[in-house]
PDB file of N, CA and C in Angstrom:
ATOM      1  N   UNK A   1     -27.171   0.361  96.495  1.00  0.00           N
ATOM      2  CA  UNK A   1     -27.032  -0.613  95.424  1.00  0.00           C
ATOM      3  C   UNK A   1     -27.015   0.107  94.076  1.00  0.00           C
ATOM      4  N   UNK A   2     -26.462  -0.574  93.110  1.00  0.00           N
ATOM      5  CA  UNK A   2     -26.393  -0.014  91.768  1.00  0.00           C
ATOM      6  C   UNK A   2     -26.966  -0.997  90.758  1.00  0.00           C
ATOM      7  N   UNK A   3     -27.297  -0.473  89.587  1.00  0.00           N
ATOM      8  CA  UNK A   3     -27.767  -1.292  88.474  1.00  0.00           C
ATOM      9  C   UNK A   3     -26.889  -0.995  87.273  1.00  0.00           C
ATOM     10  N   UNK A   4     -26.682  -2.027  86.476  1.00  0.00           N
ATOM     11  CA  UNK A   4     -25.902  -1.905  85.258  1.00  0.00           C
ATOM     12  C   UNK A   4     -26.868  -1.777  84.091  1.00  0.00           C
ATOM     13  N   UNK A   5     -26.721  -0.732  83.298  1.00  0.00           N
ATOM     14  CA  UNK A   5     -27.593  -0.496  82.147  1.00  0.00           C
ATOM     15  C   UNK A   5     -26.839  -0.764  80.852  1.00  0.00           C
ATOM     16  N   UNK A   6     -27.529  -1.384  79.902  1.00  0.00           N
ATOM     17  CA  UNK A   6     -26.984  -1.664  78.578  1.00  0.00           C
ATOM     18  C   UNK A   6     -27.353  -0.516  77.652  1.00  0.00           C
ATOM     19  N   UNK A   7     -26.385  -0.013  76.896  1.00  0.00           N
ATOM     20  CA  UNK A   7     -26.601   1.023  75.883  1.00  0.00           C
ATOM     21  C   UNK A   7     -26.210   0.445  74.535  1.00  0.00           C
ATOM     22  N   UNK A   8     -27.187   0.259  73.658  1.00  0.00           N
ATOM     23  CA  UNK A   8     -26.927  -0.304  72.341  1.00  0.00           C
ATOM     24  C   UNK A   8     -27.098   0.718  71.242  1.00  0.00           C
ATOM     25  N   UNK A   9     -26.527   0.410  70.082  1.00  0.00           N
ATOM     26  CA  UNK A   9     -26.585   1.239  68.884  1.00  0.00           C
ATOM     27  C   UNK A   9     -25.821   2.550  69.062  1.00  0.00           C
ATOM     28  N   UNK A  10     -24.694   2.465  69.777  1.00  0.00           N
ATOM     29  CA  UNK A  10     -23.829   3.636  69.938  1.00  0.00           C
ATOM     30  C   UNK A  10     -23.026   3.861  68.664  1.00  0.00           C
ATOM     31  N   UNK A  11     -22.675   5.095  68.409  1.00  0.00           N
ATOM     32  CA  UNK A  11     -21.811   5.413  67.274  1.00  0.00           C
ATOM     33  C   UNK A  11     -20.426   4.828  67.486  1.00  0.00           C
ATOM     34  N   UNK A  12     -19.728   4.547  66.396  1.00  0.00           N
ATOM     35  CA  UNK A  12     -18.410   3.911  66.479  1.00  0.00           C
ATOM     36  C   UNK A  12     -17.373   4.792  67.153  1.00  0.00           C
ATOM     37  N   UNK A  13     -17.604   6.107  67.189  1.00  0.00           N
ATOM     38  CA  UNK A  13     -16.618   7.009  67.762  1.00  0.00           C
ATOM     39  C   UNK A  13     -16.942   7.468  69.192  1.00  0.00           C
ATOM     40  N   UNK A  14     -17.987   6.908  69.799  1.00  0.00           N
ATOM     41  CA  UNK A  14     -18.374   7.296  71.161  1.00  0.00           C
ATOM     42  C   UNK A  14     -17.337   6.776  72.158  1.00  0.00           C
ATOM     43  N   UNK A  15     -16.933   7.649  73.092  1.00  0.00           N
ATOM     44  CA  UNK A  15     -15.950   7.282  74.111  1.00  0.00           C
ATOM     45  C   UNK A  15     -16.640   7.062  75.458  1.00  0.00           C
ATOM     46  N   UNK A  16     -15.893   6.476  76.390  1.00  0.00           N
ATOM     47  CA  UNK A  16     -16.401   6.286  77.749  1.00  0.00           C
ATOM     48  C   UNK A  16     -16.843   7.624  78.346  1.00  0.00           C
ATOM     49  N   UNK A  17     -16.036   8.649  78.133  1.00  0.00           N
ATOM     50  CA  UNK A  17     -16.326   9.971  78.701  1.00  0.00           C
ATOM     51  C   UNK A  17     -17.605  10.568  78.116  1.00  0.00           C
ATOM     52  N   UNK A  18     -17.820  10.396  76.819  1.00  0.00           N
ATOM     53  CA  UNK A  18     -19.036  10.925  76.193  1.00  0.00           C
ATOM     54  C   UNK A  18     -20.271  10.196  76.712  1.00  0.00           C
ATOM     55  N   UNK A  19     -20.174   8.879  76.858  1.00  0.00           N
ATOM     56  CA  UNK A  19     -21.296   8.101  77.386  1.00  0.00           C
ATOM     57  C   UNK A  19     -21.591   8.520  78.819  1.00  0.00           C
ATOM     58  N   UNK A  20     -20.554   8.684  79.601  1.00  0.00           N
ATOM     59  CA  UNK A  20     -20.711   9.141  80.981  1.00  0.00           C
ATOM     60  C   UNK A  20     -21.411  10.495  81.015  1.00  0.00           C
ATOM     61  N   UNK A  21     -20.973  11.423  80.177  1.00  0.00           N
ATOM     62  CA  UNK A  21     -21.565  12.758  80.144  1.00  0.00           C
ATOM     63  C   UNK A  21     -23.026  12.757  79.750  1.00  0.00           C
ATOM     64  N   UNK A  22     -23.401  11.903  78.807  1.00  0.00           N
ATOM     65  CA  UNK A  22     -24.796  11.839  78.367  1.00  0.00           C
ATOM     66  C   UNK A  22     -25.703  11.337  79.484  1.00  0.00           C
ATOM     67  N   UNK A  23     -25.230  10.351  80.226  1.00  0.00           N
ATOM     68  CA  UNK A  23     -26.048   9.776  81.296  1.00  0.00           C
ATOM     69  C   UNK A  23     -26.021  10.662  82.539  1.00  0.00           C
ATOM     70  N   UNK A  24     -24.927  11.361  82.778  1.00  0.00           N
ATOM     71  CA  UNK A  24     -24.783  12.212  83.963  1.00  0.00           C
ATOM     72  C   UNK A  24     -25.814  13.337  83.996  1.00  0.00           C
ATOM     73  N   UNK A  25     -26.407  13.654  82.852  1.00  0.00           N
ATOM     74  CA  UNK A  25     -27.462  14.670  82.824  1.00  0.00           C
ATOM     75  C   UNK A  25     -28.736  14.175  83.497  1.00  0.00           C
ATOM     76  N   UNK A  26     -28.845  12.846  83.678  1.00  0.00           N
ATOM     77  CA  UNK A  26     -30.064  12.243  84.226  1.00  0.00           C
ATOM     78  C   UNK A  26     -29.848  11.520  85.545  1.00  0.00           C
ATOM     79  N   UNK A  27     -28.598  11.165  85.870  1.00  0.00           N
ATOM     80  CA  UNK A  27     -28.335  10.387  87.082  1.00  0.00           C
ATOM     81  C   UNK A  27     -26.870  10.489  87.467  1.00  0.00           C
ATOM     82  N   UNK A  28     -26.576  10.081  88.689  1.00  0.00           N
ATOM     83  CA  UNK A  28     -25.207   9.997  89.163  1.00  0.00           C
ATOM     84  C   UNK A  28     -24.589   8.719  88.585  1.00  0.00           C
ATOM     85  N   UNK A  29     -23.539   8.859  87.786  1.00  0.00           N
ATOM     86  CA  UNK A  29     -22.913   7.720  87.123  1.00  0.00           C
ATOM     87  C   UNK A  29     -21.794   7.160  88.000  1.00  0.00           C
ATOM     88  N   UNK A  30     -21.856   5.859  88.261  1.00  0.00           N
ATOM     89  CA  UNK A  30     -20.808   5.178  89.010  1.00  0.00           C
ATOM     90  C   UNK A  30     -19.675   4.807  88.061  1.00  0.00           C
ATOM     91  N   UNK A  31     -20.029   4.258  86.893  1.00  0.00           N
ATOM     92  CA  UNK A  31     -19.033   3.932  85.874  1.00  0.00           C
ATOM     93  C   UNK A  31     -19.701   3.875  84.508  1.00  0.00           C
ATOM     94  N   UNK A  32     -18.913   4.121  83.462  1.00  0.00           N
ATOM     95  CA  UNK A  32     -19.408   4.040  82.080  1.00  0.00           C
ATOM     96  C   UNK A  32     -18.298   3.443  81.229  1.00  0.00           C
ATOM     97  N   UNK A  33     -18.673   2.470  80.397  1.00  0.00           N
ATOM     98  CA  UNK A  33     -17.661   1.798  79.578  1.00  0.00           C
ATOM     99  C   UNK A  33     -18.226   1.418  78.224  1.00  0.00           C
ATOM    100  N   UNK A  34     -17.561   1.886  77.167  1.00  0.00           N
ATOM    101  CA  UNK A  34     -17.889   1.490  75.805  1.00  0.00           C
ATOM    102  C   UNK A  34     -17.060   0.244  75.510  1.00  0.00           C
ATOM    103  N   UNK A  35     -17.689  -0.800  75.001  1.00  0.00           N
ATOM    104  CA  UNK A  35     -17.001  -2.047  74.719  1.00  0.00           C
ATOM    105  C   UNK A  35     -16.286  -1.939  73.378  1.00  0.00           C
ATOM    106  N   UNK A  36     -15.012  -2.322  73.372  1.00  0.00           N
ATOM    107  CA  UNK A  36     -14.197  -2.223  72.165  1.00  0.00           C
ATOM    108  C   UNK A  36     -13.714  -3.595  71.719  1.00  0.00           C
ATOM    109  N   UNK A  37     -13.407  -3.694  70.442  1.00  0.00           N
ATOM    110  CA  UNK A  37     -12.854  -4.914  69.863  1.00  0.00           C
ATOM    111  C   UNK A  37     -11.428  -5.097  70.366  1.00  0.00           C
ATOM    112  N   UNK A  38     -11.080  -6.296  70.786  1.00  0.00           N
ATOM    113  CA  UNK A  38      -9.745  -6.552  71.333  1.00  0.00           C
ATOM    114  C   UNK A  38      -8.635  -6.314  70.320  1.00  0.00           C
ATOM    115  N   UNK A  39      -8.889  -6.669  69.086  1.00  0.00           N
ATOM    116  CA  UNK A  39      -7.827  -6.585  68.078  1.00  0.00           C
ATOM    117  C   UNK A  39      -7.685  -5.196  67.464  1.00  0.00           C
ATOM    118  N   UNK A  40      -8.812  -4.529  67.191  1.00  0.00           N
ATOM    119  CA  UNK A  40      -8.745  -3.237  66.508  1.00  0.00           C
ATOM    120  C   UNK A  40      -8.853  -2.045  67.451  1.00  0.00           C
ATOM    121  N   UNK A  41      -9.399  -2.255  68.644  1.00  0.00           N
ATOM    122  CA  UNK A  41      -9.600  -1.160  69.580  1.00  0.00           C
ATOM    123  C   UNK A  41     -10.808  -0.301  69.239  1.00  0.00           C
ATOM    124  N   UNK A  42     -11.518  -0.641  68.174  1.00  0.00           N
ATOM    125  CA  UNK A  42     -12.684   0.117  67.721  1.00  0.00           C
ATOM    126  C   UNK A  42     -13.924  -0.272  68.536  1.00  0.00           C
ATOM    127  N   UNK A  43     -14.793   0.689  68.767  1.00  0.00           N
ATOM    128  CA  UNK A  43     -16.028   0.433  69.491  1.00  0.00           C
ATOM    129  C   UNK A  43     -16.834  -0.668  68.818  1.00  0.00           C
ATOM    130  N   UNK A  44     -17.480  -1.486  69.630  1.00  0.00           N
ATOM    131  CA  UNK A  44     -18.347  -2.537  69.095  1.00  0.00           C
ATOM    132  C   UNK A  44     -19.795  -2.061  69.004  1.00  0.00           C
ATOM    133  N   UNK A  45     -20.036  -0.794  69.360  1.00  0.00           N
ATOM    134  CA  UNK A  45     -21.365  -0.216  69.191  1.00  0.00           C
ATOM    135  C   UNK A  45     -22.284  -0.365  70.391  1.00  0.00           C
ATOM    136  N   UNK A  46     -21.721  -0.808  71.521  1.00  0.00           N
ATOM    137  CA  UNK A  46     -22.537  -0.883  72.729  1.00  0.00           C
ATOM    138  C   UNK A  46     -21.663  -0.650  73.954  1.00  0.00           C
ATOM    139  N   UNK A  47     -22.328  -0.394  75.072  1.00  0.00           N
ATOM    140  CA  UNK A  47     -21.596  -0.139  76.308  1.00  0.00           C
ATOM    141  C   UNK A  47     -22.477  -0.355  77.517  1.00  0.00           C
ATOM    142  N   UNK A  48     -21.897  -0.141  78.680  1.00  0.00           N
ATOM    143  CA  UNK A  48     -22.600  -0.339  79.939  1.00  0.00           C
ATOM    144  C   UNK A  48     -22.352   0.847  80.853  1.00  0.00           C
ATOM    145  N   UNK A  49     -23.406   1.240  81.566  1.00  0.00           N
ATOM    146  CA  UNK A  49     -23.304   2.335  82.521  1.00  0.00           C
ATOM    147  C   UNK A  49     -23.904   1.852  83.833  1.00  0.00           C
ATOM    148  N   UNK A  50     -23.165   2.075  84.912  1.00  0.00           N
ATOM    149  CA  UNK A  50     -23.626   1.693  86.235  1.00  0.00           C
ATOM    150  C   UNK A  50     -24.148   2.942  86.944  1.00  0.00           C
ATOM    151  N   UNK A  51     -25.408   2.861  87.410  1.00  0.00           N
ATOM    152  CA  UNK A  51     -26.046   3.982  88.110  1.00  0.00           C
ATOM    153  C   UNK A  51     -26.713   3.457  89.384  1.00  0.00           C
ATOM    154  N   UNK A  52     -27.110   4.371  90.251  1.00  0.00           N
ATOM    155  CA  UNK A  52     -27.840   3.994  91.467  1.00  0.00           C
ATOM    156  C   UNK A  52     -29.170   3.340  91.100  1.00  0.00           C
ATOM    157  N   UNK A  53     -29.597   2.374  91.897  1.00  0.00           N
ATOM    158  CA  UNK A  53     -30.880   1.677  91.666  1.00  0.00           C
ATOM    159  C   UNK A  53     -32.032   2.650  91.451  1.00  0.00           C
ATOM    160  N   UNK A  54     -32.065   3.675  92.275  1.00  0.00           N
ATOM    161  CA  UNK A  54     -33.180   4.618  92.240  1.00  0.00           C
ATOM    162  C   UNK A  54     -33.207   5.451  90.958  1.00  0.00           C
ATOM    163  N   UNK A  55     -32.081   5.552  90.272  1.00  0.00           N
ATOM    164  CA  UNK A  55     -31.998   6.354  89.054  1.00  0.00           C
ATOM    165  C   UNK A  55     -32.124   5.544  87.766  1.00  0.00           C
ATOM    166  N   UNK A  56     -32.033   4.227  87.858  1.00  0.00           N
ATOM    167  CA  UNK A  56     -31.972   3.382  86.664  1.00  0.00           C
ATOM    168  C   UNK A  56     -33.183   3.570  85.752  1.00  0.00           C
ATOM    169  N   UNK A  57     -34.374   3.487  86.288  1.00  0.00           N
ATOM    170  CA  UNK A  57     -35.566   3.599  85.451  1.00  0.00           C
ATOM    171  C   UNK A  57     -35.686   4.996  84.849  1.00  0.00           C
ATOM    172  N   UNK A  58     -35.259   6.002  85.586  1.00  0.00           N
ATOM    173  CA  UNK A  58     -35.290   7.379  85.075  1.00  0.00           C
ATOM    174  C   UNK A  58     -34.385   7.509  83.838  1.00  0.00           C
ATOM    175  N   UNK A  59     -33.211   6.890  83.886  1.00  0.00           N
ATOM    176  CA  UNK A  59     -32.288   6.928  82.745  1.00  0.00           C
ATOM    177  C   UNK A  59     -32.883   6.179  81.563  1.00  0.00           C
ATOM    178  N   UNK A  60     -33.453   4.999  81.815  1.00  0.00           N
ATOM    179  CA  UNK A  60     -34.066   4.207  80.744  1.00  0.00           C
ATOM    180  C   UNK A  60     -35.180   5.006  80.080  1.00  0.00           C
ATOM    181  N   UNK A  61     -36.067   5.581  80.895  1.00  0.00           N
ATOM    182  CA  UNK A  61     -37.189   6.357  80.350  1.00  0.00           C
ATOM    183  C   UNK A  61     -36.713   7.559  79.538  1.00  0.00           C
ATOM    184  N   UNK A  62     -35.645   8.205  79.993  1.00  0.00           N
ATOM    185  CA  UNK A  62     -35.166   9.412  79.319  1.00  0.00           C
ATOM    186  C   UNK A  62     -34.408   9.113  78.026  1.00  0.00           C
ATOM    187  N   UNK A  63     -33.651   8.018  77.989  1.00  0.00           N
ATOM    188  CA  UNK A  63     -32.738   7.817  76.869  1.00  0.00           C
ATOM    189  C   UNK A  63     -33.112   6.682  75.909  1.00  0.00           C
ATOM    190  N   UNK A  64     -33.899   5.711  76.336  1.00  0.00           N
ATOM    191  CA  UNK A  64     -34.276   4.619  75.438  1.00  0.00           C
ATOM    192  C   UNK A  64     -35.110   5.160  74.279  1.00  0.00           C
ATOM    193  N   UNK A  65     -34.666   4.885  73.070  1.00  0.00           N
ATOM    194  CA  UNK A  65     -35.368   5.359  71.884  1.00  0.00           C
ATOM    195  C   UNK A  65     -34.993   6.765  71.449  1.00  0.00           C
ATOM    196  N   UNK A  66     -34.192   7.442  72.248  1.00  0.00           N
ATOM    197  CA  UNK A  66     -33.795   8.802  71.881  1.00  0.00           C
ATOM    198  C   UNK A  66     -32.694   8.745  70.825  1.00  0.00           C
ATOM    199  N   UNK A  67     -32.526   9.840  70.111  1.00  0.00           N
ATOM    200  CA  UNK A  67     -31.506   9.906  69.071  1.00  0.00           C
ATOM    201  C   UNK A  67     -30.259  10.581  69.612  1.00  0.00           C
ATOM    202  N   UNK A  68     -29.123   9.964  69.356  1.00  0.00           N
ATOM    203  CA  UNK A  68     -27.837  10.510  69.784  1.00  0.00           C
ATOM    204  C   UNK A  68     -26.832  10.259  68.672  1.00  0.00           C
ATOM    205  N   UNK A  69     -26.232  11.306  68.162  1.00  0.00           N
ATOM    206  CA  UNK A  69     -25.280  11.225  67.039  1.00  0.00           C
ATOM    207  C   UNK A  69     -25.885  10.526  65.830  1.00  0.00           C
ATOM    208  N   UNK A  70     -27.146  10.797  65.562  1.00  0.00           N
ATOM    209  CA  UNK A  70     -27.809  10.232  64.389  1.00  0.00           C
ATOM    210  C   UNK A  70     -28.231   8.785  64.531  1.00  0.00           C
ATOM    211  N   UNK A  71     -28.183   8.230  65.741  1.00  0.00           N
ATOM    212  CA  UNK A  71     -28.579   6.834  65.965  1.00  0.00           C
ATOM    213  C   UNK A  71     -29.623   6.765  67.077  1.00  0.00           C
ATOM    214  N   UNK A  72     -30.539   5.831  66.944  1.00  0.00           N
ATOM    215  CA  UNK A  72     -31.564   5.644  67.968  1.00  0.00           C
ATOM    216  C   UNK A  72     -31.041   4.683  69.020  1.00  0.00           C
ATOM    217  N   UNK A  73     -30.903   5.176  70.250  1.00  0.00           N
ATOM    218  CA  UNK A  73     -30.341   4.382  71.336  1.00  0.00           C
ATOM    219  C   UNK A  73     -31.299   3.303  71.824  1.00  0.00           C
ATOM    220  N   UNK A  74     -30.719   2.199  72.235  1.00  0.00           N
ATOM    221  CA  UNK A  74     -31.439   1.149  72.959  1.00  0.00           C
ATOM    222  C   UNK A  74     -30.863   1.139  74.361  1.00  0.00           C
ATOM    223  N   UNK A  75     -31.701   1.380  75.359  1.00  0.00           N
ATOM    224  CA  UNK A  75     -31.239   1.413  76.743  1.00  0.00           C
ATOM    225  C   UNK A  75     -32.161   0.533  77.562  1.00  0.00           C
ATOM    226  N   UNK A  76     -31.576  -0.431  78.269  1.00  0.00           N
ATOM    227  CA  UNK A  76     -32.351  -1.270  79.177  1.00  0.00           C
ATOM    228  C   UNK A  76     -31.442  -1.828  80.263  1.00  0.00           C
ATOM    229  N   UNK A  77     -32.037  -2.504  81.211  1.00  0.00           N
ATOM    230  CA  UNK A  77     -31.249  -3.096  82.285  1.00  0.00           C
ATOM    231  C   UNK A  77     -30.430  -4.251  81.706  1.00  0.00           C
ATOM    232  N   UNK A  78     -29.144  -4.257  82.012  1.00  0.00           N
ATOM    233  CA  UNK A  78     -28.260  -5.294  81.483  1.00  0.00           C
ATOM    234  C   UNK A  78     -28.594  -6.642  82.107  1.00  0.00           C
ATOM    235  N   UNK A  79     -28.462  -7.688  81.288  1.00  0.00           N
ATOM    236  CA  UNK A  79     -28.657  -9.054  81.777  1.00  0.00           C
ATOM    237  C   UNK A  79     -27.314  -9.623  82.184  1.00  0.00           C
ATOM    238  N   UNK A  80     -27.350 -10.619  83.043  1.00  0.00           N
ATOM    239  CA  UNK A  80     -26.124 -11.299  83.445  1.00  0.00           C
ATOM    240  C   UNK A  80     -25.494 -11.958  82.235  1.00  0.00           C
ATOM    241  N   UNK A  81     -24.196 -11.955  82.188  1.00  0.00           N
ATOM    242  CA  UNK A  81     -23.460 -12.568  81.084  1.00  0.00           C
ATOM    243  C   UNK A  81     -23.634 -14.087  81.146  1.00  0.00           C
ATOM    244  N   UNK A  82     -23.934 -14.696  80.006  1.00  0.00           N
ATOM    245  CA  UNK A  82     -24.125 -16.137  79.950  1.00  0.00           C
ATOM    246  C   UNK A  82     -22.798 -16.857  80.172  1.00  0.00           C
ATOM    247  N   UNK A  83     -22.848 -17.977  80.863  1.00  0.00           N
ATOM    248  CA  UNK A  83     -21.655 -18.781  81.079  1.00  0.00           C
ATOM    249  C   UNK A  83     -21.230 -19.435  79.775  1.00  0.00           C
ATOM    250  N   UNK A  84     -19.947 -19.377  79.499  1.00  0.00           N
ATOM    251  CA  UNK A  84     -19.415 -20.021  78.298  1.00  0.00           C
ATOM    252  C   UNK A  84     -18.973 -21.432  78.664  1.00  0.00           C
ATOM    253  N   UNK A  85     -19.155 -22.358  77.735  1.00  0.00           N
ATOM    254  CA  UNK A  85     -18.678 -23.718  78.016  1.00  0.00           C
ATOM    255  C   UNK A  85     -17.161 -23.732  78.177  1.00  0.00           C
ATOM    256  N   UNK A  86     -16.668 -24.598  79.034  1.00  0.00           N
ATOM    257  CA  UNK A  86     -15.227 -24.685  79.256  1.00  0.00           C
ATOM    258  C   UNK A  86     -14.703 -26.041  78.831  1.00  0.00           C
ATOM    259  N   UNK A  87     -13.410 -26.120  78.651  1.00  0.00           N
ATOM    260  CA  UNK A  87     -12.773 -27.386  78.380  1.00  0.00           C
ATOM    261  C   UNK A  87     -12.717 -27.802  76.926  1.00  0.00           C
ATOM    262  N   UNK A  88     -12.949 -26.912  75.973  1.00  0.00           N
ATOM    263  CA  UNK A  88     -12.924 -27.292  74.565  1.00  0.00           C
ATOM    264  C   UNK A  88     -11.650 -26.824  73.880  1.00  0.00           C
ATOM    265  N   UNK A  89     -10.629 -26.506  74.602  1.00  0.00           N
ATOM    266  CA  UNK A  89      -9.383 -25.944  74.078  1.00  0.00           C
ATOM    267  C   UNK A  89      -9.131 -26.304  72.617  1.00  0.00           C
ATOM    268  N   UNK A  90      -8.770 -25.331  71.846  1.00  0.00           N
ATOM    269  CA  UNK A  90      -8.457 -25.553  70.448  1.00  0.00           C
ATOM    270  C   UNK A  90      -9.635 -25.342  69.529  1.00  0.00           C
ATOM    271  N   UNK A  91     -10.795 -25.027  70.058  1.00  0.00           N
ATOM    272  CA  UNK A  91     -11.930 -24.668  69.218  1.00  0.00           C
ATOM    273  C   UNK A  91     -12.868 -25.799  68.888  1.00  0.00           C
ATOM    274  N   UNK A  92     -12.417 -27.034  68.885  1.00  0.00           N
ATOM    275  CA  UNK A  92     -13.304 -28.142  68.555  1.00  0.00           C
ATOM    276  C   UNK A  92     -13.328 -29.126  69.716  1.00  0.00           C
ATOM    277  N   UNK A  93     -14.494 -29.644  69.961  1.00  0.00           N
ATOM    278  CA  UNK A  93     -14.588 -30.698  70.958  1.00  0.00           C
ATOM    279  C   UNK A  93     -15.068 -31.955  70.259  1.00  0.00           C
ATOM    280  N   UNK A  94     -14.648 -33.070  70.723  1.00  0.00           N
ATOM    281  CA  UNK A  94     -15.054 -34.326  70.110  1.00  0.00           C
ATOM    282  C   UNK A  94     -15.126 -35.404  71.183  1.00  0.00           C
ATOM    283  N   UNK A  95     -15.779 -36.469  70.838  1.00  0.00           N
ATOM    284  CA  UNK A  95     -15.930 -37.591  71.762  1.00  0.00           C
ATOM    285  C   UNK A  95     -15.073 -38.730  71.256  1.00  0.00           C
ATOM    286  N   UNK A  96     -14.259 -39.287  72.131  1.00  0.00           N
ATOM    287  CA  UNK A  96     -13.444 -40.456  71.761  1.00  0.00           C
ATOM    288  C   UNK A  96     -14.231 -41.718  72.060  1.00  0.00           C
ATOM    289  N   UNK A  97     -14.134 -42.690  71.173  1.00  0.00           N
ATOM    290  CA  UNK A  97     -14.815 -43.976  71.367  1.00  0.00           C
ATOM    291  C   UNK A  97     -13.814 -45.055  71.619  1.00  0.00           C
TER     292      UNK A  97
END
């Protein structure tokens, strides 16, 4: 089994490969992804790394609060993505009477 870890406060220029390399020093990385803005392609300052269950806490302990590229990292177990409401097409919903 694997766990997905959240990495926050990443530098704007951090790439998937750099994130993978930083975590690979502490665990076997299954996947690493820096989240980017759809329109600009620029990093949004956070990402996710998937590691083996047995290595997850070791990565958190090693990297949470550590400094990387002049920024203090936030590393913890990722939470499930919240469900977004559906059916409001067009941005506004209203009730007809």
